[in-house]
Amino acid sequence: MIDKVLRYPKEVTLKPIALRVLRPFHPTLITVIAFGVGIAAAVAVWQQAYLIGLGLWFLNRILDGLDGTVARLHNKQSDFGGYLDIVLDTVIYALIPTALAVGIHSTDVYLSLIFLLGSFYINGASWMYLSALLEKRQSGASAQGEMTTVTMPSGLIEGTETIIFFSLFLLFPNLLTILFVVMGVLVYISAMQRLVWAVRHL
């Protein structure tokens, strides 16, 4: 919902790190390291080490922002890099809630997890295919001057809101069933928003 507003401030904030600390690193390597940190976060929350998991989750998100910044600043952008970034992010988005549910091992949490992951599945189709159509029509990221590899159609739940919800999962694991359902409902609404947009504009 607010990703496009925050992209420029995020870029300004991460620029010094990208220029000074990460200059020697290829963006794809940063993407892979971020993925490894995300895996470690999932293992931590599976073992119910929630604060460690939270710290690793934040580090994963920072690195995920830095790979794109490094690529843009050092002219190392590539279609493969953008593709790999989205695929590995999707794995982490599925893995952390799953690890939380397995760690708690409750029927209610498992059922709410199914509801949440179902919303991710539908939402992924709603924005990724719409993004492909917009790129096909020359109305995509480059045409609109966006920083991302492909345009990411707006919705109620985007990257920023996902960071907030996942952080709440880790801070309040006793409320996991409610939080999974609430996020799932909002994600389904996001998918419906894009469907309504597509009916009107495609």
N, C-alpha and C. Protein backbone atom coordinates (compact mmCIF):
# COMPACT_ATOMS: atom_id res chain seq x y z
N MET A 1 0.81 -1.20 0.00
CA MET A 1 0.00 0.00 0.00
C MET A 1 0.86 1.26 0.00
N ILE A 2 2.01 1.21 0.69
CA ILE A 2 2.86 2.41 0.77
C ILE A 2 4.25 2.17 0.21
N ASP A 3 4.46 1.05 -0.48
CA ASP A 3 5.79 0.72 -0.98
C ASP A 3 6.35 1.80 -1.91
N LYS A 4 5.53 2.28 -2.84
CA LYS A 4 6.02 3.25 -3.80
C LYS A 4 6.44 4.55 -3.12
N VAL A 5 5.73 4.91 -2.06
CA VAL A 5 6.07 6.13 -1.31
C VAL A 5 7.41 5.97 -0.59
N LEU A 6 7.67 4.76 -0.10
CA LEU A 6 8.87 4.53 0.72
C LEU A 6 10.11 4.16 -0.08
N ARG A 7 9.94 3.88 -1.38
CA ARG A 7 11.10 3.41 -2.16
C ARG A 7 12.23 4.43 -2.21
N TYR A 8 11.91 5.69 -2.43
CA TYR A 8 12.96 6.70 -2.52
C TYR A 8 13.66 6.92 -1.16
N PRO A 9 12.90 7.12 -0.05
CA PRO A 9 13.58 7.25 1.25
C PRO A 9 14.43 6.03 1.60
N LYS A 10 13.94 4.83 1.24
CA LYS A 10 14.72 3.61 1.48
C LYS A 10 16.02 3.66 0.69
N GLU A 11 15.93 4.09 -0.56
CA GLU A 11 17.13 4.17 -1.40
C GLU A 11 18.15 5.14 -0.82
N VAL A 12 17.69 6.28 -0.34
CA VAL A 12 18.58 7.29 0.25
C VAL A 12 19.24 6.74 1.52
N THR A 13 18.46 6.03 2.33
CA THR A 13 18.98 5.47 3.59
C THR A 13 20.04 4.40 3.34
N LEU A 14 19.81 3.55 2.33
CA LEU A 14 20.71 2.43 2.07
C LEU A 14 21.91 2.80 1.21
N LYS A 15 21.86 3.97 0.58
CA LYS A 15 22.91 4.36 -0.37
C LYS A 15 24.31 4.38 0.24
N PRO A 16 24.51 4.95 1.43
CA PRO A 16 25.88 4.95 1.99
C PRO A 16 26.45 3.55 2.20
N ILE A 17 25.60 2.62 2.65
CA ILE A 17 26.06 1.24 2.86
C ILE A 17 26.41 0.61 1.52
N ALA A 18 25.54 0.83 0.52
CA ALA A 18 25.77 0.25 -0.80
C ALA A 18 27.04 0.80 -1.44
N LEU A 19 27.33 2.07 -1.21
CA LEU A 19 28.51 2.70 -1.83
C LEU A 19 29.81 2.33 -1.14
N ARG A 20 29.78 2.28 0.19
CA ARG A 20 31.03 2.14 0.94
C ARG A 20 31.31 0.71 1.39
N VAL A 21 30.29 0.06 1.93
CA VAL A 21 30.51 -1.26 2.54
C VAL A 21 30.37 -2.39 1.52
N LEU A 22 29.37 -2.30 0.67
CA LEU A 22 29.04 -3.42 -0.22
C LEU A 22 29.52 -3.24 -1.66
N ARG A 23 30.31 -2.23 -1.90
CA ARG A 23 30.78 -1.96 -3.27
C ARG A 23 31.43 -3.19 -3.93
N PRO A 24 32.27 -3.98 -3.21
CA PRO A 24 32.92 -5.11 -3.88
C PRO A 24 31.99 -6.29 -4.16
N PHE A 25 30.79 -6.28 -3.58
CA PHE A 25 29.91 -7.45 -3.67
C PHE A 25 28.96 -7.34 -4.86
N HIS A 26 28.80 -8.45 -5.56
CA HIS A 26 27.83 -8.50 -6.65
C HIS A 26 26.42 -8.56 -6.06
N PRO A 27 25.44 -7.87 -6.66
CA PRO A 27 24.07 -7.87 -6.10
C PRO A 27 23.48 -9.27 -5.94
N THR A 28 23.80 -10.17 -6.86
CA THR A 28 23.26 -11.54 -6.77
C THR A 28 23.80 -12.24 -5.53
N LEU A 29 25.06 -11.99 -5.19
CA LEU A 29 25.63 -12.58 -3.97
C LEU A 29 24.89 -12.06 -2.75
N ILE A 30 24.55 -10.77 -2.74
CA ILE A 30 23.79 -10.19 -1.61
C ILE A 30 22.41 -10.85 -1.53
N THR A 31 21.79 -11.08 -2.68
CA THR A 31 20.49 -11.76 -2.71
C THR A 31 20.57 -13.15 -2.09
N VAL A 32 21.63 -13.88 -2.44
CA VAL A 32 21.81 -15.25 -1.92
C VAL A 32 22.10 -15.21 -0.42
N ILE A 33 22.91 -14.25 0.02
CA ILE A 33 23.20 -14.12 1.45
C ILE A 33 21.92 -13.79 2.22
N ALA A 34 21.11 -12.89 1.65
CA ALA A 34 19.82 -12.55 2.27
C ALA A 34 18.95 -13.79 2.41
N PHE A 35 18.97 -14.63 1.40
CA PHE A 35 18.20 -15.88 1.44
C PHE A 35 18.69 -16.79 2.57
N GLY A 36 20.02 -16.90 2.69
CA GLY A 36 20.58 -17.72 3.77
C GLY A 36 20.18 -17.20 5.14
N VAL A 37 20.18 -15.88 5.30
CA VAL A 37 19.75 -15.27 6.57
C VAL A 37 18.27 -15.55 6.82
N GLY A 38 17.46 -15.51 5.76
CA GLY A 38 16.04 -15.82 5.89
C GLY A 38 15.81 -17.26 6.32
N ILE A 39 16.61 -18.17 5.76
CA ILE A 39 16.54 -19.59 6.18
C ILE A 39 16.89 -19.71 7.66
N ALA A 40 17.93 -19.01 8.08
CA ALA A 40 18.34 -19.04 9.49
C ALA A 40 17.23 -18.49 10.38
N ALA A 41 16.54 -17.45 9.92
CA ALA A 41 15.41 -16.90 10.69
C ALA A 41 14.32 -17.94 10.85
N ALA A 42 14.03 -18.68 9.78
CA ALA A 42 13.00 -19.72 9.84
C ALA A 42 13.39 -20.82 10.82
N VAL A 43 14.65 -21.23 10.79
CA VAL A 43 15.13 -22.26 11.73
C VAL A 43 15.00 -21.76 13.17
N ALA A 44 15.35 -20.51 13.40
CA ALA A 44 15.27 -19.94 14.75
C ALA A 44 13.83 -19.95 15.26
N VAL A 45 12.87 -19.52 14.43
CA VAL A 45 11.49 -19.46 14.92
C VAL A 45 10.90 -20.86 15.05
N TRP A 46 11.36 -21.80 14.22
CA TRP A 46 10.94 -23.20 14.37
C TRP A 46 11.35 -23.71 15.76
N GLN A 47 12.52 -23.27 16.22
CA GLN A 47 12.99 -23.66 17.55
C GLN A 47 12.47 -22.72 18.65
N GLN A 48 11.55 -21.82 18.26
CA GLN A 48 10.90 -20.88 19.18
C GLN A 48 11.88 -19.87 19.78
N ALA A 49 12.98 -19.61 19.07
CA ALA A 49 13.90 -18.54 19.45
C ALA A 49 13.43 -17.28 18.72
N TYR A 50 12.33 -16.69 19.20
CA TYR A 50 11.62 -15.67 18.43
C TYR A 50 12.40 -14.36 18.29
N LEU A 51 13.10 -13.93 19.32
CA LEU A 51 13.84 -12.68 19.22
C LEU A 51 15.02 -12.80 18.26
N ILE A 52 15.69 -13.96 18.29
CA ILE A 52 16.76 -14.20 17.32
C ILE A 52 16.17 -14.22 15.91
N GLY A 53 15.03 -14.89 15.77
CA GLY A 53 14.36 -14.94 14.48
C GLY A 53 13.97 -13.55 14.00
N LEU A 54 13.51 -12.71 14.92
CA LEU A 54 13.13 -11.35 14.56
C LEU A 54 14.34 -10.56 14.05
N GLY A 55 15.46 -10.67 14.76
CA GLY A 55 16.67 -9.99 14.32
C GLY A 55 17.13 -10.45 12.95
N LEU A 56 17.08 -11.76 12.72
CA LEU A 56 17.48 -12.31 11.42
C LEU A 56 16.49 -11.91 10.32
N TRP A 57 15.21 -11.82 10.66
CA TRP A 57 14.20 -11.37 9.71
C TRP A 57 14.48 -9.93 9.27
N PHE A 58 14.78 -9.06 10.23
CA PHE A 58 15.11 -7.67 9.89
C PHE A 58 16.36 -7.60 9.01
N LEU A 59 17.38 -8.41 9.35
CA LEU A 59 18.60 -8.43 8.55
C LEU A 59 18.31 -8.92 7.13
N ASN A 60 17.47 -9.93 7.02
CA ASN A 60 17.05 -10.42 5.70
C ASN A 60 16.42 -9.32 4.87
N ARG A 61 15.53 -8.54 5.51
CA ARG A 61 14.84 -7.47 4.78
C ARG A 61 15.80 -6.34 4.39
N ILE A 62 16.76 -6.02 5.25
CA ILE A 62 17.73 -4.98 4.92
C ILE A 62 18.58 -5.41 3.73
N LEU A 63 19.06 -6.66 3.78
CA LEU A 63 19.87 -7.17 2.67
C LEU A 63 19.04 -7.24 1.39
N ASP A 64 17.77 -7.58 1.53
CA ASP A 64 16.90 -7.65 0.37
C ASP A 64 16.73 -6.27 -0.28
N GLY A 65 16.75 -5.23 0.52
CA GLY A 65 16.71 -3.88 -0.03
C GLY A 65 18.04 -3.47 -0.63
N LEU A 66 19.13 -3.94 -0.03
CA LEU A 66 20.46 -3.52 -0.46
C LEU A 66 20.86 -4.11 -1.81
N ASP A 67 20.39 -5.31 -2.13
CA ASP A 67 20.84 -5.90 -3.41
C ASP A 67 20.42 -5.03 -4.59
N GLY A 68 19.19 -4.53 -4.55
CA GLY A 68 18.73 -3.66 -5.62
C GLY A 68 19.46 -2.32 -5.64
N THR A 69 19.71 -1.77 -4.46
CA THR A 69 20.42 -0.49 -4.38
C THR A 69 21.84 -0.61 -4.92
N VAL A 70 22.53 -1.68 -4.54
CA VAL A 70 23.88 -1.93 -5.05
C VAL A 70 23.85 -2.08 -6.57
N ALA A 71 22.86 -2.83 -7.07
CA ALA A 71 22.75 -3.04 -8.52
C ALA A 71 22.55 -1.72 -9.27
N ARG A 72 21.70 -0.85 -8.74
CA ARG A 72 21.43 0.42 -9.41
C ARG A 72 22.63 1.37 -9.34
N LEU A 73 23.25 1.45 -8.18
CA LEU A 73 24.36 2.40 -8.01
C LEU A 73 25.60 2.00 -8.79
N HIS A 74 25.81 0.71 -8.98
CA HIS A 74 27.02 0.23 -9.64
C HIS A 74 26.73 -0.33 -11.04
N ASN A 75 25.54 0.00 -11.54
CA ASN A 75 25.15 -0.40 -12.91
C ASN A 75 25.29 -1.91 -13.12
N LYS A 76 24.76 -2.68 -12.16
CA LYS A 76 24.84 -4.14 -12.25
C LYS A 76 23.44 -4.78 -12.27
N GLN A 77 22.45 -4.02 -12.69
CA GLN A 77 21.09 -4.55 -12.77
C GLN A 77 21.00 -5.61 -13.85
N SER A 78 20.19 -6.63 -13.59
CA SER A 78 19.97 -7.67 -14.59
C SER A 78 18.58 -8.27 -14.40
N ASP A 79 18.04 -8.78 -15.48
CA ASP A 79 16.73 -9.45 -15.40
C ASP A 79 16.81 -10.67 -14.49
N PHE A 80 17.93 -11.41 -14.58
CA PHE A 80 18.08 -12.59 -13.73
C PHE A 80 18.11 -12.21 -12.26
N GLY A 81 18.81 -11.12 -11.94
CA GLY A 81 18.88 -10.68 -10.55
C GLY A 81 17.51 -10.35 -9.99
N GLY A 82 16.69 -9.62 -10.76
CA GLY A 82 15.34 -9.30 -10.33
C GLY A 82 14.48 -10.53 -10.17
N TYR A 83 14.65 -11.48 -11.10
CA TYR A 83 13.89 -12.74 -11.06
C TYR A 83 14.26 -13.56 -9.82
N LEU A 84 15.56 -13.72 -9.60
CA LEU A 84 16.02 -14.52 -8.46
C LEU A 84 15.56 -13.90 -7.15
N ASP A 85 15.60 -12.59 -7.06
CA ASP A 85 15.20 -11.88 -5.85
C ASP A 85 13.75 -12.20 -5.48
N ILE A 86 12.86 -12.14 -6.46
CA ILE A 86 11.44 -12.40 -6.19
C ILE A 86 11.21 -13.86 -5.82
N VAL A 87 11.88 -14.78 -6.51
CA VAL A 87 11.70 -16.21 -6.21
C VAL A 87 12.16 -16.52 -4.79
N LEU A 88 13.34 -16.05 -4.41
CA LEU A 88 13.87 -16.35 -3.07
C LEU A 88 13.06 -15.65 -1.98
N ASP A 89 12.59 -14.43 -2.26
CA ASP A 89 11.70 -13.76 -1.30
C ASP A 89 10.44 -14.58 -1.05
N THR A 90 9.88 -15.13 -2.13
CA THR A 90 8.65 -15.91 -2.01
C THR A 90 8.86 -17.14 -1.14
N VAL A 91 10.03 -17.77 -1.29
CA VAL A 91 10.36 -18.93 -0.44
C VAL A 91 10.37 -18.53 1.03
N ILE A 92 11.03 -17.42 1.34
CA ILE A 92 11.12 -16.97 2.74
C ILE A 92 9.74 -16.59 3.28
N TYR A 93 8.93 -15.92 2.45
CA TYR A 93 7.58 -15.54 2.88
C TYR A 93 6.74 -16.76 3.23
N ALA A 94 6.97 -17.87 2.56
CA ALA A 94 6.23 -19.10 2.89
C ALA A 94 6.87 -19.85 4.06
N LEU A 95 8.20 -19.79 4.12
CA LEU A 95 8.93 -20.62 5.08
C LEU A 95 8.77 -20.14 6.52
N ILE A 96 8.82 -18.82 6.74
CA ILE A 96 8.78 -18.31 8.12
C ILE A 96 7.42 -18.61 8.80
N PRO A 97 6.28 -18.32 8.18
CA PRO A 97 5.02 -18.70 8.83
C PRO A 97 4.89 -20.21 9.04
N THR A 98 5.41 -20.99 8.06
CA THR A 98 5.37 -22.45 8.20
C THR A 98 6.21 -22.90 9.38
N ALA A 99 7.41 -22.34 9.52
CA ALA A 99 8.28 -22.69 10.64
C ALA A 99 7.64 -22.33 11.97
N LEU A 100 6.98 -21.17 12.02
CA LEU A 100 6.27 -20.77 13.23
C LEU A 100 5.20 -21.79 13.59
N ALA A 101 4.42 -22.19 12.60
CA ALA A 101 3.33 -23.14 12.86
C ALA A 101 3.85 -24.50 13.29
N VAL A 102 4.91 -24.96 12.65
CA VAL A 102 5.48 -26.26 13.02
C VAL A 102 6.05 -26.21 14.43
N GLY A 103 6.67 -25.08 14.78
CA GLY A 103 7.22 -24.94 16.13
C GLY A 103 6.15 -24.97 17.21
N ILE A 104 5.00 -24.37 16.93
CA ILE A 104 3.92 -24.33 17.91
C ILE A 104 3.10 -25.60 17.89
N HIS A 105 2.93 -26.18 16.70
CA HIS A 105 2.27 -27.48 16.52
C HIS A 105 0.86 -27.50 17.12
N SER A 106 0.02 -26.61 16.59
CA SER A 106 -1.37 -26.52 17.02
C SER A 106 -2.29 -26.63 15.81
N THR A 107 -3.38 -27.36 15.96
CA THR A 107 -4.32 -27.53 14.84
C THR A 107 -4.86 -26.19 14.37
N ASP A 108 -5.23 -25.32 15.30
CA ASP A 108 -5.76 -24.00 14.93
C ASP A 108 -4.74 -23.19 14.14
N VAL A 109 -3.48 -23.25 14.57
CA VAL A 109 -2.43 -22.52 13.86
C VAL A 109 -2.22 -23.11 12.47
N TYR A 110 -2.26 -24.44 12.36
CA TYR A 110 -2.09 -25.07 11.04
C TYR A 110 -3.21 -24.66 10.09
N LEU A 111 -4.44 -24.62 10.59
CA LEU A 111 -5.57 -24.24 9.73
C LEU A 111 -5.46 -22.78 9.29
N SER A 112 -5.06 -21.92 10.21
CA SER A 112 -4.89 -20.50 9.83
C SER A 112 -3.71 -20.32 8.88
N LEU A 113 -2.68 -21.18 9.03
CA LEU A 113 -1.55 -21.14 8.11
C LEU A 113 -1.99 -21.50 6.69
N ILE A 114 -2.83 -22.52 6.56
CA ILE A 114 -3.35 -22.90 5.25
C ILE A 114 -4.10 -21.73 4.62
N PHE A 115 -4.91 -21.04 5.43
CA PHE A 115 -5.65 -19.88 4.95
C PHE A 115 -4.69 -18.78 4.47
N LEU A 116 -3.63 -18.54 5.25
CA LEU A 116 -2.66 -17.50 4.91
C LEU A 116 -1.89 -17.85 3.64
N LEU A 117 -1.35 -19.07 3.57
CA LEU A 117 -0.58 -19.47 2.39
C LEU A 117 -1.44 -19.50 1.14
N GLY A 118 -2.72 -19.85 1.30
CA GLY A 118 -3.65 -19.80 0.16
C GLY A 118 -3.79 -18.38 -0.37
N SER A 119 -3.83 -17.42 0.55
CA SER A 119 -3.92 -16.01 0.13
C SER A 119 -2.66 -15.58 -0.60
N PHE A 120 -1.49 -16.06 -0.14
CA PHE A 120 -0.23 -15.74 -0.82
C PHE A 120 -0.23 -16.28 -2.25
N TYR A 121 -0.72 -17.49 -2.39
CA TYR A 121 -0.75 -18.17 -3.69
C TYR A 121 -1.60 -17.38 -4.69
N ILE A 122 -2.80 -17.00 -4.26
CA ILE A 122 -3.71 -16.25 -5.13
C ILE A 122 -3.17 -14.85 -5.39
N ASN A 123 -2.64 -14.22 -4.35
CA ASN A 123 -2.11 -12.87 -4.50
C ASN A 123 -0.91 -12.85 -5.46
N GLY A 124 -0.06 -13.86 -5.37
CA GLY A 124 1.08 -13.94 -6.27
C GLY A 124 0.63 -13.97 -7.73
N ALA A 125 -0.37 -14.78 -8.01
CA ALA A 125 -0.90 -14.82 -9.38
C ALA A 125 -1.51 -13.48 -9.77
N SER A 126 -2.18 -12.82 -8.81
CA SER A 126 -2.88 -11.57 -9.12
C SER A 126 -1.92 -10.46 -9.52
N TRP A 127 -0.77 -10.36 -8.85
CA TRP A 127 0.12 -9.25 -9.17
C TRP A 127 1.17 -9.61 -10.21
N MET A 128 1.63 -10.86 -10.20
CA MET A 128 2.70 -11.20 -11.14
C MET A 128 2.21 -11.23 -12.59
N TYR A 129 1.03 -11.81 -12.82
CA TYR A 129 0.54 -11.85 -14.19
C TYR A 129 0.10 -10.47 -14.65
N LEU A 130 -0.49 -9.71 -13.74
CA LEU A 130 -0.87 -8.34 -14.09
C LEU A 130 0.39 -7.52 -14.40
N SER A 131 1.44 -7.73 -13.64
CA SER A 131 2.70 -7.06 -13.91
C SER A 131 3.22 -7.41 -15.31
N ALA A 132 3.15 -8.69 -15.67
CA ALA A 132 3.60 -9.12 -17.00
C ALA A 132 2.78 -8.45 -18.10
N LEU A 133 1.47 -8.34 -17.90
CA LEU A 133 0.61 -7.69 -18.89
C LEU A 133 0.95 -6.20 -19.03
N LEU A 134 1.22 -5.55 -17.91
CA LEU A 134 1.57 -4.13 -17.95
C LEU A 134 2.91 -3.92 -18.67
N GLU A 135 3.87 -4.81 -18.43
CA GLU A 135 5.14 -4.72 -19.14
C GLU A 135 4.92 -4.93 -20.64
N LYS A 136 4.08 -5.89 -20.99
CA LYS A 136 3.76 -6.17 -22.40
C LYS A 136 3.15 -4.94 -23.08
N ARG A 137 2.37 -4.19 -22.35
CA ARG A 137 1.70 -3.01 -22.90
C ARG A 137 2.55 -1.74 -22.79
N GLN A 138 3.83 -1.91 -22.45
CA GLN A 138 4.74 -0.78 -22.26
C GLN A 138 4.23 0.20 -21.21
N SER A 139 3.58 -0.35 -20.17
CA SER A 139 3.11 0.47 -19.05
C SER A 139 3.76 0.01 -17.75
N GLY A 140 4.95 -0.58 -17.87
CA GLY A 140 5.58 -1.20 -16.72
C GLY A 140 6.56 -0.30 -16.00
N ALA A 141 7.54 -0.93 -15.36
CA ALA A 141 8.45 -0.22 -14.46
C ALA A 141 9.26 0.85 -15.19
N SER A 142 9.87 0.48 -16.32
CA SER A 142 10.70 1.46 -17.03
C SER A 142 9.88 2.62 -17.57
N ALA A 143 8.68 2.34 -18.05
CA ALA A 143 7.81 3.39 -18.59
C ALA A 143 7.38 4.37 -17.50
N GLN A 144 7.25 3.87 -16.28
CA GLN A 144 6.79 4.71 -15.18
C GLN A 144 7.93 5.23 -14.30
N GLY A 145 9.17 4.91 -14.69
CA GLY A 145 10.32 5.38 -13.94
C GLY A 145 10.46 4.75 -12.57
N GLU A 146 10.03 3.50 -12.44
CA GLU A 146 10.12 2.80 -11.15
C GLU A 146 11.51 2.22 -10.95
N MET A 147 11.87 1.96 -9.70
CA MET A 147 13.18 1.42 -9.38
C MET A 147 13.25 -0.10 -9.51
N THR A 148 12.09 -0.75 -9.55
CA THR A 148 12.05 -2.21 -9.58
C THR A 148 12.25 -2.73 -11.00
N THR A 149 12.61 -4.02 -11.11
CA THR A 149 12.81 -4.64 -12.43
C THR A 149 11.53 -4.65 -13.23
N VAL A 150 10.43 -5.02 -12.58
CA VAL A 150 9.11 -4.97 -13.21
C VAL A 150 8.17 -4.18 -12.30
N THR A 151 7.11 -3.67 -12.87
CA THR A 151 6.16 -2.91 -12.06
C THR A 151 5.44 -3.84 -11.09
N MET A 152 5.14 -3.34 -9.91
CA MET A 152 4.45 -4.12 -8.90
C MET A 152 3.13 -3.44 -8.58
N PRO A 153 2.04 -3.92 -9.19
CA PRO A 153 0.74 -3.27 -9.00
C PRO A 153 0.38 -3.15 -7.52
N SER A 154 -0.15 -2.01 -7.15
CA SER A 154 -0.43 -1.71 -5.74
C SER A 154 -1.55 -2.57 -5.18
N GLY A 155 -1.51 -2.75 -3.89
CA GLY A 155 -2.56 -3.46 -3.17
C GLY A 155 -2.51 -3.09 -1.70
N LEU A 156 -3.49 -3.55 -0.96
CA LEU A 156 -3.57 -3.23 0.46
C LEU A 156 -2.35 -3.77 1.22
N ILE A 157 -1.91 -4.98 0.86
CA ILE A 157 -0.75 -5.59 1.50
C ILE A 157 0.37 -5.69 0.47
N GLU A 158 1.47 -4.99 0.75
CA GLU A 158 2.66 -5.05 -0.10
C GLU A 158 3.86 -5.40 0.79
N GLY A 159 5.05 -5.05 0.33
CA GLY A 159 6.24 -5.43 1.06
C GLY A 159 6.32 -4.84 2.46
N THR A 160 6.01 -3.55 2.60
CA THR A 160 6.11 -2.89 3.91
C THR A 160 5.15 -3.52 4.91
N GLU A 161 3.92 -3.74 4.48
CA GLU A 161 2.91 -4.33 5.38
C GLU A 161 3.28 -5.77 5.73
N THR A 162 3.92 -6.46 4.79
CA THR A 162 4.36 -7.84 5.06
C THR A 162 5.43 -7.84 6.14
N ILE A 163 6.37 -6.90 6.07
CA ILE A 163 7.40 -6.79 7.10
C ILE A 163 6.75 -6.56 8.47
N ILE A 164 5.76 -5.69 8.51
CA ILE A 164 5.08 -5.38 9.78
C ILE A 164 4.37 -6.62 10.32
N PHE A 165 3.61 -7.30 9.47
CA PHE A 165 2.87 -8.48 9.93
C PHE A 165 3.81 -9.60 10.38
N PHE A 166 4.86 -9.87 9.61
CA PHE A 166 5.78 -10.93 9.99
C PHE A 166 6.47 -10.60 11.31
N SER A 167 6.76 -9.32 11.52
CA SER A 167 7.35 -8.91 12.81
C SER A 167 6.37 -9.15 13.95
N LEU A 168 5.09 -8.88 13.71
CA LEU A 168 4.06 -9.16 14.72
C LEU A 168 3.95 -10.65 15.00
N PHE A 169 4.08 -11.48 13.95
CA PHE A 169 4.07 -12.93 14.15
C PHE A 169 5.15 -13.34 15.16
N LEU A 170 6.33 -12.74 15.00
CA LEU A 170 7.48 -13.12 15.83
C LEU A 170 7.43 -12.52 17.22
N LEU A 171 6.79 -11.36 17.33
CA LEU A 171 6.67 -10.71 18.64
C LEU A 171 5.54 -11.30 19.48
N PHE A 172 4.48 -11.75 18.81
CA PHE A 172 3.30 -12.25 19.52
C PHE A 172 2.88 -13.62 19.00
N PRO A 173 3.74 -14.64 19.17
CA PRO A 173 3.42 -15.97 18.64
C PRO A 173 2.17 -16.58 19.28
N ASN A 174 1.80 -16.09 20.48
CA ASN A 174 0.58 -16.59 21.13
C ASN A 174 -0.68 -16.11 20.40
N LEU A 175 -0.55 -15.11 19.53
CA LEU A 175 -1.68 -14.59 18.76
C LEU A 175 -1.61 -15.00 17.29
N LEU A 176 -0.83 -16.04 17.03
CA LEU A 176 -0.53 -16.40 15.65
C LEU A 176 -1.78 -16.73 14.83
N THR A 177 -2.71 -17.46 15.40
CA THR A 177 -3.93 -17.83 14.66
C THR A 177 -4.68 -16.60 14.18
N ILE A 178 -4.86 -15.64 15.09
CA ILE A 178 -5.58 -14.40 14.74
C ILE A 178 -4.79 -13.61 13.71
N LEU A 179 -3.48 -13.47 13.92
CA LEU A 179 -2.65 -12.67 13.01
C LEU A 179 -2.59 -13.29 11.61
N PHE A 180 -2.48 -14.62 11.53
CA PHE A 180 -2.49 -15.29 10.22
C PHE A 180 -3.80 -15.00 9.48
N VAL A 181 -4.92 -15.11 10.20
CA VAL A 181 -6.22 -14.90 9.56
C VAL A 181 -6.38 -13.45 9.12
N VAL A 182 -6.00 -12.51 9.98
CA VAL A 182 -6.14 -11.09 9.64
C VAL A 182 -5.30 -10.76 8.41
N MET A 183 -4.04 -11.20 8.40
CA MET A 183 -3.21 -10.92 7.23
C MET A 183 -3.77 -11.60 6.00
N GLY A 184 -4.23 -12.85 6.14
CA GLY A 184 -4.80 -13.56 5.01
C GLY A 184 -5.98 -12.83 4.41
N VAL A 185 -6.87 -12.33 5.24
CA VAL A 185 -8.04 -11.57 4.75
C VAL A 185 -7.59 -10.34 3.97
N LEU A 186 -6.61 -9.61 4.51
CA LEU A 186 -6.12 -8.40 3.85
C LEU A 186 -5.42 -8.72 2.53
N VAL A 187 -4.73 -9.86 2.49
CA VAL A 187 -4.07 -10.26 1.24
C VAL A 187 -5.10 -10.65 0.19
N TYR A 188 -6.15 -11.37 0.61
CA TYR A 188 -7.23 -11.69 -0.34
C TYR A 188 -7.87 -10.41 -0.88
N ILE A 189 -8.05 -9.41 -0.01
CA ILE A 189 -8.61 -8.13 -0.46
C ILE A 189 -7.67 -7.48 -1.48
N SER A 190 -6.36 -7.58 -1.26
CA SER A 190 -5.39 -7.03 -2.21
C SER A 190 -5.55 -7.67 -3.59
N ALA A 191 -5.72 -8.99 -3.59
CA ALA A 191 -5.91 -9.69 -4.87
C ALA A 191 -7.19 -9.23 -5.55
N MET A 192 -8.25 -9.02 -4.76
CA MET A 192 -9.52 -8.54 -5.33
C MET A 192 -9.38 -7.13 -5.88
N GLN A 193 -8.60 -6.29 -5.21
CA GLN A 193 -8.36 -4.93 -5.70
C GLN A 193 -7.77 -4.97 -7.11
N ARG A 194 -6.80 -5.85 -7.31
CA ARG A 194 -6.16 -5.95 -8.62
C ARG A 194 -7.11 -6.53 -9.66
N LEU A 195 -7.95 -7.45 -9.24
CA LEU A 195 -8.94 -8.02 -10.17
C LEU A 195 -9.91 -6.95 -10.63
N VAL A 196 -10.37 -6.13 -9.70
CA VAL A 196 -11.28 -5.03 -10.05
C VAL A 196 -10.58 -4.06 -11.00
N TRP A 197 -9.32 -3.73 -10.71
CA TRP A 197 -8.56 -2.85 -11.59
C TRP A 197 -8.46 -3.45 -12.99
N ALA A 198 -8.17 -4.76 -13.05
CA ALA A 198 -8.03 -5.41 -14.35
C ALA A 198 -9.33 -5.40 -15.15
N VAL A 199 -10.46 -5.61 -14.48
CA VAL A 199 -11.77 -5.56 -15.15
C VAL A 199 -11.99 -4.18 -15.77
N ARG A 200 -11.55 -3.16 -15.09
CA ARG A 200 -11.79 -1.79 -15.56
C ARG A 200 -10.82 -1.33 -16.64
N HIS A 201 -9.58 -1.88 -16.61
CA HIS A 201 -8.55 -1.30 -17.48
C HIS A 201 -8.01 -2.22 -18.57
N LEU A 202 -8.22 -3.51 -18.45
CA LEU A 202 -7.65 -4.43 -19.45
C LEU A 202 -8.66 -4.75 -20.55
